[in-house]
Amino acid sequence: MAETGTYVYAVGRELDAEVLSSLAGVGDAAVRTLAHRDLMAVVSTVDLAEFGETALRQNLEDLGWVERTARRHDEVVRRAAAITTALAPFRLVTIYQSDEAARDRIEELYDDLSAALDRIDGRSEWSVKIYARGQAMPTAPVMTEGVGTGVAYLERRRAEIRGRQAAVADQQALADQLFWDLVPAAAATRRLAPQDQRLSGRRQPMVLNATFLVDDDRSTEFFELIDALRERYSTFDIEVNGPWPPYSFAVLDKP
């Protein structure tokens, strides 16, 4: 008989077990719920030949496997989030030896989980990324041959560097102001490191990468504010994505 473990996707309240039972989870395992006090965990029973400690060390080096597993994990979390007002997602491949071990861990985390669920109840996460549109740098004067040309070239280069640094600083200050203009519309915010252009897929540099926890009944207000800021900050491209389950505001550090 194959050895199995309990894979935990998320913990929430008042989840519909029948709806979730129609889902296929990671590794095509059936999705079910696991009750503990007033909480319900969304779980699957998984084969440790694929999800055990030894197997995971190998599978996590397989990008195809990681992508498939992450996509299925996210699908389950999204479906669960759609049928409850508060859901705390767990990190990818959070696995316990048994249902009892999972319940024991939920009990250990009970206060933190309850606080997280209270914090995100009736709210969703929105991603806001801001890109600086390309702006032409001042054209340097044409240098003529002669005495002092080398010194003049170095001075020109220093001036160009100072100009670029000043432009970057101005853009960052403007992005910081835009961020603070958005803060009043959110219940909570998190600033993340700007993504490298190879990850963002954009030619423009990213000057702000942030997530906002927004009350579901204020999402229209949030979008109206974004539209107003697009007009006010015309040198930026503002990219908004969501709504998402509030990963940034509900995932525990050590689930």
Foldseek 3Di string as FASTA:
>chain_A
DFQKWKFWFWKDADFDQVVQQVAQAQVRFGWGWADDDRMITIIGIGGCVCLPPVNCVVQVVPPVSVVRNVVRSQVSQFVRVVRFQFMFTEDGSPIGRYSVRVNVVCVVCVVVQVVLRVLQGQKFKKKKWKFFADDDDDDDDDADDDPPSVVVVVVSVVVSVVRVVVVLVVVLVVVVVLVVLLVVQASDKDWDDFDDCVVVVDPTGINTIMMGIHRPVSVVVSVVSVVVVCVVCVRMDMDMDDRGRPNVRRYDPRD
